[in-house]
């Protein structure tokens, strides 16, 4: 019995060592396009570019602020811009896990942003889609990070979350009707 256990331990160690070498080899094959384009021939190890939800968050914040200001036209424009940003997000630099998360979330987020963009003048419908979009953007931020601090806010009346760039509550679900309804639930640091 001890011989079997000892043999299994050695095999597990070998597989672990082989897998870690494969991962390191894959990491060194990633090329920083800036150094290739500039013709740099330095001996530096190429850096892996980190994926960030920065542009998505910026577009989302514009949309949130338009809804908080009861501006359906600005919300539609921001929804269209956010949809374009989501469509242009580069998935080639994502890890396998990030790619899976992105593909699970992105199609829904694009659909909600598209609906918001197509419904200028119907702020109630825009806010319904914003509620679902907020969950998607929150999940993206948790998976990919962002380059700024954002706050996850919650409105008990709407039973919904949203992300904000400030601690000050500006409720996008009720706008001027109940602009300060809600509280900060979480601070997401960069």
N, C-alpha and C. Protein backbone atom coordinates (compact mmCIF):
# COMPACT_ATOMS: atom_id res chain seq x y z
N UNK A 1 0.82 -1.19 0.00
CA UNK A 1 0.00 0.00 0.00
C UNK A 1 0.87 1.25 0.00
N UNK A 2 1.96 1.21 0.79
CA UNK A 2 2.86 2.37 0.84
C UNK A 2 3.52 2.61 -0.52
N UNK A 3 3.84 1.51 -1.24
CA UNK A 3 4.47 1.64 -2.55
C UNK A 3 3.52 2.34 -3.52
N UNK A 4 2.24 2.02 -3.47
CA UNK A 4 1.25 2.65 -4.36
C UNK A 4 1.12 4.13 -4.02
N UNK A 5 1.03 4.46 -2.74
CA UNK A 5 0.91 5.86 -2.32
C UNK A 5 2.15 6.65 -2.74
N UNK A 6 3.35 6.06 -2.52
CA UNK A 6 4.60 6.73 -2.88
C UNK A 6 4.67 6.95 -4.40
N UNK A 7 4.26 5.95 -5.18
CA UNK A 7 4.26 6.06 -6.64
C UNK A 7 3.29 7.13 -7.12
N UNK A 8 2.13 7.20 -6.51
CA UNK A 8 1.13 8.21 -6.89
C UNK A 8 1.63 9.60 -6.57
N UNK A 9 2.32 9.76 -5.46
CA UNK A 9 2.89 11.06 -5.08
C UNK A 9 3.93 11.51 -6.10
N UNK A 10 4.79 10.60 -6.53
CA UNK A 10 5.81 10.94 -7.52
C UNK A 10 5.16 11.34 -8.84
N UNK A 11 4.17 10.58 -9.28
CA UNK A 11 3.46 10.91 -10.53
C UNK A 11 2.80 12.28 -10.45
N UNK A 12 2.16 12.58 -9.34
CA UNK A 12 1.51 13.88 -9.17
C UNK A 12 2.53 15.01 -9.24
N UNK A 13 3.70 14.79 -8.64
CA UNK A 13 4.76 15.81 -8.69
C UNK A 13 5.24 16.03 -10.11
N UNK A 14 5.40 14.96 -10.87
CA UNK A 14 5.84 15.08 -12.26
C UNK A 14 4.83 15.83 -13.11
N UNK A 15 3.55 15.52 -12.96
CA UNK A 15 2.51 16.21 -13.73
C UNK A 15 2.48 17.69 -13.38
N UNK A 16 2.61 18.01 -12.11
CA UNK A 16 2.61 19.41 -11.69
C UNK A 16 3.79 20.15 -12.29
N UNK A 17 4.96 19.53 -12.27
CA UNK A 17 6.16 20.16 -12.82
C UNK A 17 6.00 20.37 -14.32
N UNK A 18 5.46 19.38 -15.02
CA UNK A 18 5.27 19.51 -16.47
C UNK A 18 4.27 20.61 -16.79
N UNK A 19 3.19 20.68 -16.06
CA UNK A 19 2.18 21.70 -16.31
C UNK A 19 2.71 23.10 -16.05
N UNK A 20 3.48 23.29 -15.00
CA UNK A 20 3.99 24.63 -14.71
C UNK A 20 4.99 25.07 -15.76
N UNK A 21 5.77 24.14 -16.32
CA UNK A 21 6.70 24.50 -17.40
C UNK A 21 5.94 24.87 -18.66
N UNK A 22 4.85 24.20 -18.97
CA UNK A 22 4.03 24.52 -20.13
C UNK A 22 3.43 25.91 -19.98
N UNK A 23 2.93 26.23 -18.79
CA UNK A 23 2.35 27.55 -18.56
C UNK A 23 3.39 28.65 -18.75
N UNK A 24 4.62 28.42 -18.25
CA UNK A 24 5.68 29.43 -18.38
C UNK A 24 6.06 29.61 -19.83
N UNK A 25 6.10 28.52 -20.60
CA UNK A 25 6.43 28.62 -22.02
C UNK A 25 5.37 29.41 -22.76
N UNK A 26 4.11 29.19 -22.42
CA UNK A 26 3.02 29.92 -23.07
C UNK A 26 3.09 31.40 -22.74
N UNK A 27 3.46 31.73 -21.50
CA UNK A 27 3.55 33.12 -21.11
C UNK A 27 4.65 33.85 -21.88
N UNK A 28 5.75 33.18 -22.17
CA UNK A 28 6.84 33.86 -22.86
C UNK A 28 6.57 34.01 -24.34
N UNK A 29 5.57 33.31 -24.88
CA UNK A 29 5.25 33.44 -26.28
C UNK A 29 4.37 34.64 -26.58
N UNK A 30 3.77 35.25 -25.58
CA UNK A 30 2.94 36.43 -25.79
C UNK A 30 3.85 37.60 -26.11
N UNK A 31 3.53 38.33 -27.18
CA UNK A 31 4.39 39.41 -27.64
C UNK A 31 3.72 40.75 -27.40
N UNK A 32 4.48 41.69 -26.89
CA UNK A 32 4.01 43.05 -26.72
C UNK A 32 4.10 43.73 -28.09
N UNK A 33 2.96 44.07 -28.68
CA UNK A 33 2.94 44.59 -30.05
C UNK A 33 3.64 45.93 -30.16
N UNK A 34 3.72 46.70 -29.09
CA UNK A 34 4.40 47.99 -29.14
C UNK A 34 5.88 47.81 -29.45
N UNK A 35 6.54 46.83 -28.80
CA UNK A 35 7.96 46.64 -29.03
C UNK A 35 8.22 46.03 -30.40
N UNK A 36 7.30 45.21 -30.91
CA UNK A 36 7.48 44.62 -32.22
C UNK A 36 7.34 45.70 -33.30
N UNK A 37 6.34 46.56 -33.17
CA UNK A 37 6.10 47.60 -34.16
C UNK A 37 7.22 48.63 -34.18
N UNK A 38 7.82 48.91 -33.04
CA UNK A 38 8.86 49.93 -32.99
C UNK A 38 10.22 49.37 -33.42
N UNK A 39 10.28 48.06 -33.65
CA UNK A 39 11.52 47.45 -34.09
C UNK A 39 12.52 47.26 -32.97
N UNK A 40 12.09 47.33 -31.74
CA UNK A 40 12.98 47.16 -30.60
C UNK A 40 13.51 45.74 -30.55
N UNK A 41 14.82 45.60 -30.33
CA UNK A 41 15.43 44.27 -30.26
C UNK A 41 16.05 44.05 -28.89
N UNK A 42 15.44 44.59 -27.87
CA UNK A 42 15.99 44.44 -26.53
C UNK A 42 15.79 43.01 -26.04
N UNK A 43 16.49 42.67 -24.99
CA UNK A 43 16.39 41.34 -24.41
C UNK A 43 15.34 41.28 -23.32
N UNK A 44 14.48 42.29 -23.25
CA UNK A 44 13.46 42.31 -22.22
C UNK A 44 12.42 41.24 -22.50
N UNK A 45 11.89 40.66 -21.42
CA UNK A 45 10.81 39.70 -21.55
C UNK A 45 9.53 40.48 -21.85
N UNK A 46 8.78 40.10 -22.90
CA UNK A 46 7.54 40.81 -23.22
C UNK A 46 6.58 40.79 -22.04
N UNK A 47 5.86 41.86 -21.86
CA UNK A 47 4.90 41.96 -20.77
C UNK A 47 3.51 41.59 -21.28
N UNK A 48 2.78 40.88 -20.45
CA UNK A 48 1.41 40.53 -20.77
C UNK A 48 0.54 41.73 -20.43
N UNK A 49 -0.26 42.15 -21.41
CA UNK A 49 -1.13 43.29 -21.16
C UNK A 49 -2.33 42.84 -20.33
N UNK A 50 -2.64 43.61 -19.30
CA UNK A 50 -3.77 43.29 -18.46
C UNK A 50 -5.05 43.77 -19.11
N UNK A 51 -6.09 42.98 -19.03
CA UNK A 51 -7.39 43.36 -19.54
C UNK A 51 -8.08 44.17 -18.46
N UNK A 52 -8.73 45.24 -18.85
CA UNK A 52 -9.42 46.10 -17.90
C UNK A 52 -10.79 46.46 -18.46
N UNK A 53 -11.71 46.68 -17.57
CA UNK A 53 -13.05 47.10 -17.96
C UNK A 53 -13.17 48.62 -17.93
N UNK A 54 -12.04 49.32 -17.99
CA UNK A 54 -12.00 50.78 -17.87
C UNK A 54 -12.96 51.49 -18.83
N UNK A 55 -12.90 51.17 -20.11
CA UNK A 55 -13.74 51.85 -21.09
C UNK A 55 -15.22 51.50 -20.90
N UNK A 56 -15.48 50.27 -20.52
CA UNK A 56 -16.86 49.86 -20.25
C UNK A 56 -17.41 50.65 -19.07
N UNK A 57 -16.60 50.77 -18.02
CA UNK A 57 -17.03 51.51 -16.83
C UNK A 57 -17.28 52.98 -17.18
N UNK A 58 -16.41 53.59 -17.97
CA UNK A 58 -16.59 54.99 -18.35
C UNK A 58 -17.91 55.20 -19.10
N UNK A 59 -18.21 54.31 -20.05
CA UNK A 59 -19.47 54.41 -20.79
C UNK A 59 -20.67 54.15 -19.91
N UNK A 60 -20.54 53.20 -19.02
CA UNK A 60 -21.61 52.86 -18.09
C UNK A 60 -21.91 54.04 -17.16
N UNK A 61 -20.85 54.70 -16.66
CA UNK A 61 -21.03 55.85 -15.76
C UNK A 61 -21.78 56.98 -16.48
N UNK A 62 -21.45 57.22 -17.75
CA UNK A 62 -22.18 58.24 -18.52
C UNK A 62 -23.66 57.88 -18.59
N UNK A 63 -23.95 56.64 -18.84
CA UNK A 63 -25.33 56.17 -18.91
C UNK A 63 -26.02 56.33 -17.57
N UNK A 64 -25.36 55.92 -16.52
CA UNK A 64 -25.94 56.04 -15.17
C UNK A 64 -26.26 57.50 -14.84
N UNK A 65 -25.33 58.40 -15.16
CA UNK A 65 -25.54 59.82 -14.86
C UNK A 65 -26.68 60.40 -15.69
N UNK A 66 -26.83 59.97 -16.93
CA UNK A 66 -27.94 60.44 -17.76
C UNK A 66 -29.28 60.00 -17.17
N UNK A 67 -29.36 58.75 -16.73
CA UNK A 67 -30.61 58.27 -16.13
C UNK A 67 -30.88 58.96 -14.80
N UNK A 68 -29.85 59.21 -14.01
CA UNK A 68 -30.02 59.91 -12.73
C UNK A 68 -30.51 61.33 -12.95
N UNK A 69 -30.19 61.91 -14.11
CA UNK A 69 -30.63 63.27 -14.46
C UNK A 69 -31.93 63.27 -15.24
N UNK A 70 -32.57 62.10 -15.37
CA UNK A 70 -33.83 61.96 -16.11
C UNK A 70 -33.70 62.36 -17.58
N UNK A 71 -32.52 62.16 -18.16
CA UNK A 71 -32.27 62.56 -19.54
C UNK A 71 -32.25 61.32 -20.44
N UNK A 72 -33.41 61.01 -20.99
CA UNK A 72 -33.57 59.81 -21.81
C UNK A 72 -32.76 59.87 -23.10
N UNK A 73 -32.64 61.06 -23.69
CA UNK A 73 -31.89 61.21 -24.94
C UNK A 73 -30.39 60.95 -24.70
N UNK A 74 -29.85 61.53 -23.64
CA UNK A 74 -28.44 61.30 -23.30
C UNK A 74 -28.21 59.84 -22.91
N UNK A 75 -29.19 59.22 -22.26
CA UNK A 75 -29.08 57.82 -21.90
C UNK A 75 -29.04 56.95 -23.16
N UNK A 76 -29.84 57.30 -24.15
CA UNK A 76 -29.84 56.54 -25.41
C UNK A 76 -28.48 56.66 -26.10
N UNK A 77 -27.93 57.85 -26.15
CA UNK A 77 -26.62 58.05 -26.78
C UNK A 77 -25.55 57.27 -26.02
N UNK A 78 -25.59 57.32 -24.69
CA UNK A 78 -24.61 56.59 -23.88
C UNK A 78 -24.79 55.08 -24.04
N UNK A 79 -26.03 54.62 -24.16
CA UNK A 79 -26.29 53.20 -24.38
C UNK A 79 -25.69 52.72 -25.70
N UNK A 80 -25.86 53.54 -26.75
CA UNK A 80 -25.28 53.19 -28.05
C UNK A 80 -23.75 53.16 -27.98
N UNK A 81 -23.18 54.15 -27.31
CA UNK A 81 -21.71 54.19 -27.17
C UNK A 81 -21.20 52.99 -26.37
N UNK A 82 -21.91 52.64 -25.31
CA UNK A 82 -21.51 51.50 -24.48
C UNK A 82 -21.60 50.20 -25.28
N UNK A 83 -22.62 50.08 -26.09
CA UNK A 83 -22.75 48.89 -26.93
C UNK A 83 -21.55 48.77 -27.87
N UNK A 84 -21.13 49.87 -28.48
CA UNK A 84 -19.96 49.86 -29.36
C UNK A 84 -18.70 49.49 -28.59
N UNK A 85 -18.56 50.02 -27.39
CA UNK A 85 -17.40 49.71 -26.55
C UNK A 85 -17.35 48.22 -26.22
N UNK A 86 -18.48 47.66 -25.86
CA UNK A 86 -18.54 46.23 -25.54
C UNK A 86 -18.20 45.38 -26.76
N UNK A 87 -18.67 45.80 -27.93
CA UNK A 87 -18.39 45.04 -29.15
C UNK A 87 -16.92 45.11 -29.54
N UNK A 88 -16.26 46.21 -29.18
CA UNK A 88 -14.86 46.36 -29.58
C UNK A 88 -13.86 45.90 -28.52
N UNK A 89 -14.33 45.36 -27.41
CA UNK A 89 -13.44 44.91 -26.35
C UNK A 89 -12.59 43.76 -26.87
N UNK A 90 -11.29 43.89 -26.74
CA UNK A 90 -10.33 42.93 -27.29
C UNK A 90 -10.25 41.68 -26.42
N UNK A 91 -10.73 40.58 -26.95
CA UNK A 91 -10.71 39.34 -26.18
C UNK A 91 -9.43 38.53 -26.40
N UNK A 92 -8.58 38.97 -27.32
CA UNK A 92 -7.36 38.20 -27.61
C UNK A 92 -6.35 38.23 -26.46
N UNK A 93 -6.45 39.21 -25.57
CA UNK A 93 -5.51 39.30 -24.45
C UNK A 93 -6.08 38.70 -23.16
N UNK A 94 -7.27 38.10 -23.27
CA UNK A 94 -7.91 37.54 -22.08
C UNK A 94 -7.40 36.13 -21.81
N UNK A 95 -7.32 35.82 -20.53
CA UNK A 95 -7.00 34.44 -20.15
C UNK A 95 -8.21 33.57 -20.50
N UNK A 96 -8.03 32.28 -20.44
CA UNK A 96 -9.13 31.35 -20.74
C UNK A 96 -10.32 31.59 -19.81
N UNK A 97 -10.03 31.78 -18.52
CA UNK A 97 -11.10 32.03 -17.54
C UNK A 97 -11.80 33.36 -17.81
N UNK A 98 -11.01 34.40 -18.12
CA UNK A 98 -11.60 35.71 -18.42
C UNK A 98 -12.45 35.65 -19.68
N UNK A 99 -11.99 34.93 -20.69
CA UNK A 99 -12.74 34.80 -21.93
C UNK A 99 -14.08 34.12 -21.69
N UNK A 100 -14.09 33.10 -20.85
CA UNK A 100 -15.34 32.42 -20.52
C UNK A 100 -16.31 33.37 -19.82
N UNK A 101 -15.80 34.12 -18.85
CA UNK A 101 -16.64 35.09 -18.13
C UNK A 101 -17.15 36.15 -19.10
N UNK A 102 -16.26 36.67 -19.94
CA UNK A 102 -16.64 37.71 -20.89
C UNK A 102 -17.72 37.23 -21.84
N UNK A 103 -17.56 36.05 -22.39
CA UNK A 103 -18.56 35.56 -23.34
C UNK A 103 -19.90 35.28 -22.65
N UNK A 104 -19.86 34.87 -21.39
CA UNK A 104 -21.10 34.64 -20.65
C UNK A 104 -21.85 35.94 -20.38
N UNK A 105 -21.12 37.03 -20.20
CA UNK A 105 -21.73 38.30 -19.80
C UNK A 105 -21.95 39.26 -20.96
N UNK A 106 -21.01 39.33 -21.88
CA UNK A 106 -20.98 40.39 -22.88
C UNK A 106 -22.22 40.44 -23.77
N UNK A 107 -22.72 39.31 -24.22
CA UNK A 107 -23.88 39.33 -25.11
C UNK A 107 -25.10 39.94 -24.42
N UNK A 108 -25.31 39.59 -23.16
CA UNK A 108 -26.43 40.18 -22.41
C UNK A 108 -26.22 41.68 -22.23
N UNK A 109 -25.01 42.07 -21.87
CA UNK A 109 -24.72 43.49 -21.66
C UNK A 109 -24.94 44.29 -22.95
N UNK A 110 -24.48 43.74 -24.08
CA UNK A 110 -24.67 44.40 -25.37
C UNK A 110 -26.15 44.57 -25.68
N UNK A 111 -26.92 43.52 -25.42
CA UNK A 111 -28.36 43.57 -25.69
C UNK A 111 -29.04 44.66 -24.85
N UNK A 112 -28.68 44.74 -23.58
CA UNK A 112 -29.30 45.76 -22.71
C UNK A 112 -28.88 47.17 -23.14
N UNK A 113 -27.61 47.34 -23.47
CA UNK A 113 -27.13 48.65 -23.94
C UNK A 113 -27.83 49.03 -25.24
N UNK A 114 -28.02 48.06 -26.13
CA UNK A 114 -28.70 48.31 -27.40
C UNK A 114 -30.15 48.74 -27.17
N UNK A 115 -30.85 48.07 -26.26
CA UNK A 115 -32.24 48.44 -25.94
C UNK A 115 -32.32 49.85 -25.37
N UNK A 116 -31.38 50.18 -24.51
CA UNK A 116 -31.37 51.53 -23.93
C UNK A 116 -31.16 52.55 -25.04
N UNK A 117 -30.23 52.25 -25.96
CA UNK A 117 -29.96 53.16 -27.07
C UNK A 117 -31.12 53.32 -28.01
N UNK A 118 -31.91 52.29 -28.19
CA UNK A 118 -33.03 52.31 -29.14
C UNK A 118 -34.30 52.89 -28.54
N UNK A 119 -34.30 53.23 -27.26
CA UNK A 119 -35.54 53.66 -26.62
C UNK A 119 -35.46 55.06 -26.03
N UNK A 120 -34.89 55.98 -26.80
CA UNK A 120 -34.90 57.40 -26.38
C UNK A 120 -36.35 57.82 -26.23
N UNK A 121 -36.66 58.50 -25.16
CA UNK A 121 -38.03 58.94 -24.91
C UNK A 121 -38.82 57.98 -24.03
N UNK A 122 -38.28 56.81 -23.77
CA UNK A 122 -38.96 55.83 -22.93
C UNK A 122 -38.04 55.46 -21.76
N UNK A 123 -37.91 56.40 -20.85
CA UNK A 123 -36.94 56.23 -19.76
C UNK A 123 -37.29 55.06 -18.84
N UNK A 124 -38.58 54.75 -18.71
CA UNK A 124 -38.97 53.61 -17.87
C UNK A 124 -38.39 52.32 -18.46
N UNK A 125 -38.50 52.14 -19.75
CA UNK A 125 -37.94 50.96 -20.41
C UNK A 125 -36.41 50.95 -20.33
N UNK A 126 -35.80 52.12 -20.49
CA UNK A 126 -34.35 52.22 -20.37
C UNK A 126 -33.89 51.79 -18.98
N UNK A 127 -34.62 52.21 -17.97
CA UNK A 127 -34.24 51.87 -16.59
C UNK A 127 -34.40 50.38 -16.31
N UNK A 128 -35.39 49.75 -16.94
CA UNK A 128 -35.55 48.30 -16.78
C UNK A 128 -34.31 47.57 -17.32
N UNK A 129 -33.85 47.99 -18.49
CA UNK A 129 -32.66 47.35 -19.05
C UNK A 129 -31.39 47.75 -18.30
N UNK A 130 -31.38 48.95 -17.75
CA UNK A 130 -30.22 49.39 -16.96
C UNK A 130 -30.04 48.51 -15.73
N UNK A 131 -31.14 48.07 -15.17
CA UNK A 131 -31.08 47.21 -13.98
C UNK A 131 -30.31 45.93 -14.30
N UNK A 132 -30.60 45.31 -15.41
CA UNK A 132 -29.90 44.08 -15.80
C UNK A 132 -28.47 44.39 -16.26
N UNK A 133 -28.30 45.49 -16.98
CA UNK A 133 -26.97 45.91 -17.43
C UNK A 133 -26.05 46.14 -16.24
N UNK A 134 -26.57 46.70 -15.18
CA UNK A 134 -25.77 46.97 -13.99
C UNK A 134 -25.19 45.69 -13.40
N UNK A 135 -25.96 44.63 -13.39
CA UNK A 135 -25.47 43.34 -12.89
C UNK A 135 -24.32 42.84 -13.79
N UNK A 136 -24.51 42.99 -15.10
CA UNK A 136 -23.48 42.54 -16.04
C UNK A 136 -22.18 43.34 -15.88
N UNK A 137 -22.29 44.65 -15.79
CA UNK A 137 -21.10 45.49 -15.66
C UNK A 137 -20.41 45.22 -14.32
N UNK A 138 -21.17 45.01 -13.28
CA UNK A 138 -20.60 44.65 -11.98
C UNK A 138 -19.77 43.36 -12.11
N UNK A 139 -20.34 42.37 -12.77
CA UNK A 139 -19.63 41.10 -12.95
C UNK A 139 -18.35 41.29 -13.77
N UNK A 140 -18.41 42.14 -14.80
CA UNK A 140 -17.22 42.42 -15.61
C UNK A 140 -16.14 43.10 -14.77
N UNK A 141 -16.54 44.06 -13.96
CA UNK A 141 -15.58 44.78 -13.10
C UNK A 141 -14.95 43.81 -12.11
N UNK A 142 -15.73 42.93 -11.55
CA UNK A 142 -15.18 41.96 -10.59
C UNK A 142 -14.20 41.01 -11.28
N UNK A 143 -14.47 40.66 -12.52
CA UNK A 143 -13.61 39.72 -13.23
C UNK A 143 -12.37 40.38 -13.82
N UNK A 144 -12.50 41.63 -14.31
CA UNK A 144 -11.41 42.26 -15.05
C UNK A 144 -10.77 43.44 -14.34
N UNK A 145 -11.44 43.96 -13.34
CA UNK A 145 -10.92 45.14 -12.66
C UNK A 145 -11.16 46.40 -13.47
N UNK A 146 -10.77 47.50 -12.91
CA UNK A 146 -10.89 48.78 -13.57
C UNK A 146 -9.78 49.67 -13.06
N UNK A 147 -9.59 50.78 -13.68
CA UNK A 147 -8.48 51.65 -13.30
C UNK A 147 -8.92 52.80 -12.40
N UNK A 148 -10.10 52.68 -11.84
CA UNK A 148 -10.60 53.69 -10.91
C UNK A 148 -11.39 53.01 -9.81
N UNK A 149 -11.57 53.69 -8.72
CA UNK A 149 -12.41 53.17 -7.65
C UNK A 149 -13.86 53.38 -8.06
N UNK A 150 -14.67 52.33 -7.91
CA UNK A 150 -16.10 52.45 -8.16
C UNK A 150 -16.85 51.92 -6.94
N UNK A 151 -18.08 52.38 -6.81
CA UNK A 151 -18.90 52.01 -5.67
C UNK A 151 -20.13 51.26 -6.17
N UNK A 152 -20.40 50.14 -5.54
CA UNK A 152 -21.62 49.40 -5.84
C UNK A 152 -22.69 49.95 -4.90
N UNK A 153 -23.71 50.55 -5.49
CA UNK A 153 -24.81 51.13 -4.73
C UNK A 153 -26.04 50.23 -4.85
N UNK A 154 -26.93 50.35 -3.87
CA UNK A 154 -28.15 49.55 -3.86
C UNK A 154 -29.33 50.42 -3.48
N UNK A 155 -30.42 50.27 -4.23
CA UNK A 155 -31.67 50.97 -3.93
C UNK A 155 -32.70 49.94 -3.47
N UNK A 156 -33.14 50.01 -2.22
CA UNK A 156 -34.13 49.05 -1.73
C UNK A 156 -35.50 49.21 -2.39
N UNK A 157 -35.82 50.42 -2.82
CA UNK A 157 -37.11 50.64 -3.48
C UNK A 157 -37.15 49.96 -4.85
N UNK A 158 -36.07 50.06 -5.61
CA UNK A 158 -36.00 49.43 -6.93
C UNK A 158 -35.52 47.98 -6.83
N UNK A 159 -34.98 47.63 -5.66
CA UNK A 159 -34.37 46.30 -5.45
C UNK A 159 -33.32 46.05 -6.54
N UNK A 160 -32.44 47.05 -6.69
CA UNK A 160 -31.46 46.99 -7.78
C UNK A 160 -30.16 47.66 -7.38
N UNK A 161 -29.09 47.22 -8.05
CA UNK A 161 -27.77 47.79 -7.84
C UNK A 161 -27.40 48.69 -9.01
N UNK A 162 -26.36 49.50 -8.80
CA UNK A 162 -25.71 50.22 -9.88
C UNK A 162 -24.31 50.56 -9.41
N UNK A 163 -23.45 50.90 -10.34
CA UNK A 163 -22.09 51.31 -10.02
C UNK A 163 -21.98 52.81 -10.16
N UNK A 164 -21.17 53.41 -9.29
CA UNK A 164 -21.01 54.86 -9.30
C UNK A 164 -19.54 55.21 -9.13
N UNK A 165 -19.18 56.37 -9.65
CA UNK A 165 -17.82 56.86 -9.52
C UNK A 165 -17.63 57.67 -8.23
N UNK A 166 -18.71 57.98 -7.53
CA UNK A 166 -18.64 58.73 -6.28
C UNK A 166 -19.43 58.02 -5.18
N UNK A 167 -19.12 58.37 -3.94
CA UNK A 167 -19.89 57.82 -2.82
C UNK A 167 -21.27 58.46 -2.72
N UNK A 168 -21.40 59.65 -3.29
CA UNK A 168 -22.67 60.36 -3.26
C UNK A 168 -23.71 59.58 -4.07
N UNK A 169 -24.88 59.36 -3.46
CA UNK A 169 -25.94 58.61 -4.12
C UNK A 169 -26.68 59.51 -5.11
N UNK A 170 -26.71 59.03 -6.37
CA UNK A 170 -27.50 59.66 -7.44
C UNK A 170 -28.24 58.53 -8.11
N UNK A 171 -29.46 58.30 -7.69
CA UNK A 171 -30.22 57.13 -8.08
C UNK A 171 -30.67 57.19 -9.54
N UNK A 172 -30.19 56.25 -10.38
CA UNK A 172 -30.57 56.24 -11.79
C UNK A 172 -31.95 55.62 -12.04
N UNK A 173 -32.51 54.95 -11.05
CA UNK A 173 -33.81 54.30 -11.24
C UNK A 173 -34.98 55.24 -10.97
N UNK A 174 -34.75 56.26 -10.15
CA UNK A 174 -35.82 57.20 -9.83
C UNK A 174 -35.49 58.63 -10.20
N UNK A 175 -34.25 58.92 -10.54
CA UNK A 175 -33.87 60.26 -10.95
C UNK A 175 -34.26 61.31 -9.92
N UNK A 176 -34.82 62.40 -10.38
CA UNK A 176 -35.17 63.51 -9.49
C UNK A 176 -36.30 63.16 -8.52
N UNK A 177 -37.05 62.13 -8.82
CA UNK A 177 -38.15 61.70 -7.96
C UNK A 177 -37.65 61.25 -6.58
N UNK A 178 -36.56 60.50 -6.56
CA UNK A 178 -35.93 60.04 -5.31
C UNK A 178 -34.44 59.91 -5.55
N UNK A 179 -33.79 61.02 -5.77
CA UNK A 179 -32.39 61.01 -6.22
C UNK A 179 -31.41 60.43 -5.20
N UNK A 180 -31.73 60.49 -3.93
CA UNK A 180 -30.78 60.01 -2.91
C UNK A 180 -31.18 58.69 -2.28
N UNK A 181 -32.14 58.00 -2.88
CA UNK A 181 -32.56 56.71 -2.35
C UNK A 181 -31.48 55.67 -2.66
N UNK A 182 -30.91 55.10 -1.63
CA UNK A 182 -29.91 54.06 -1.80
C UNK A 182 -28.76 54.22 -0.85
N UNK A 183 -27.86 53.24 -0.88
CA UNK A 183 -26.65 53.29 -0.06
C UNK A 183 -25.54 52.54 -0.75
N UNK A 184 -24.31 52.87 -0.34
CA UNK A 184 -23.14 52.18 -0.88
C UNK A 184 -23.06 50.81 -0.22
N UNK A 185 -22.96 49.77 -1.04
CA UNK A 185 -22.84 48.40 -0.52
C UNK A 185 -21.40 47.90 -0.55
N UNK A 186 -20.62 48.39 -1.51
CA UNK A 186 -19.28 47.85 -1.69
C UNK A 186 -18.41 48.89 -2.37
N UNK A 187 -17.15 48.96 -1.96
CA UNK A 187 -16.16 49.79 -2.64
C UNK A 187 -15.25 48.84 -3.41
N UNK A 188 -15.13 49.08 -4.71
CA UNK A 188 -14.30 48.23 -5.56
C UNK A 188 -13.07 49.04 -5.93
N UNK A 189 -11.95 48.67 -5.35
CA UNK A 189 -10.71 49.41 -5.57
C UNK A 189 -10.05 48.97 -6.87
N UNK A 190 -9.23 49.87 -7.38
CA UNK A 190 -8.54 49.55 -8.64
C UNK A 190 -7.49 48.51 -8.45
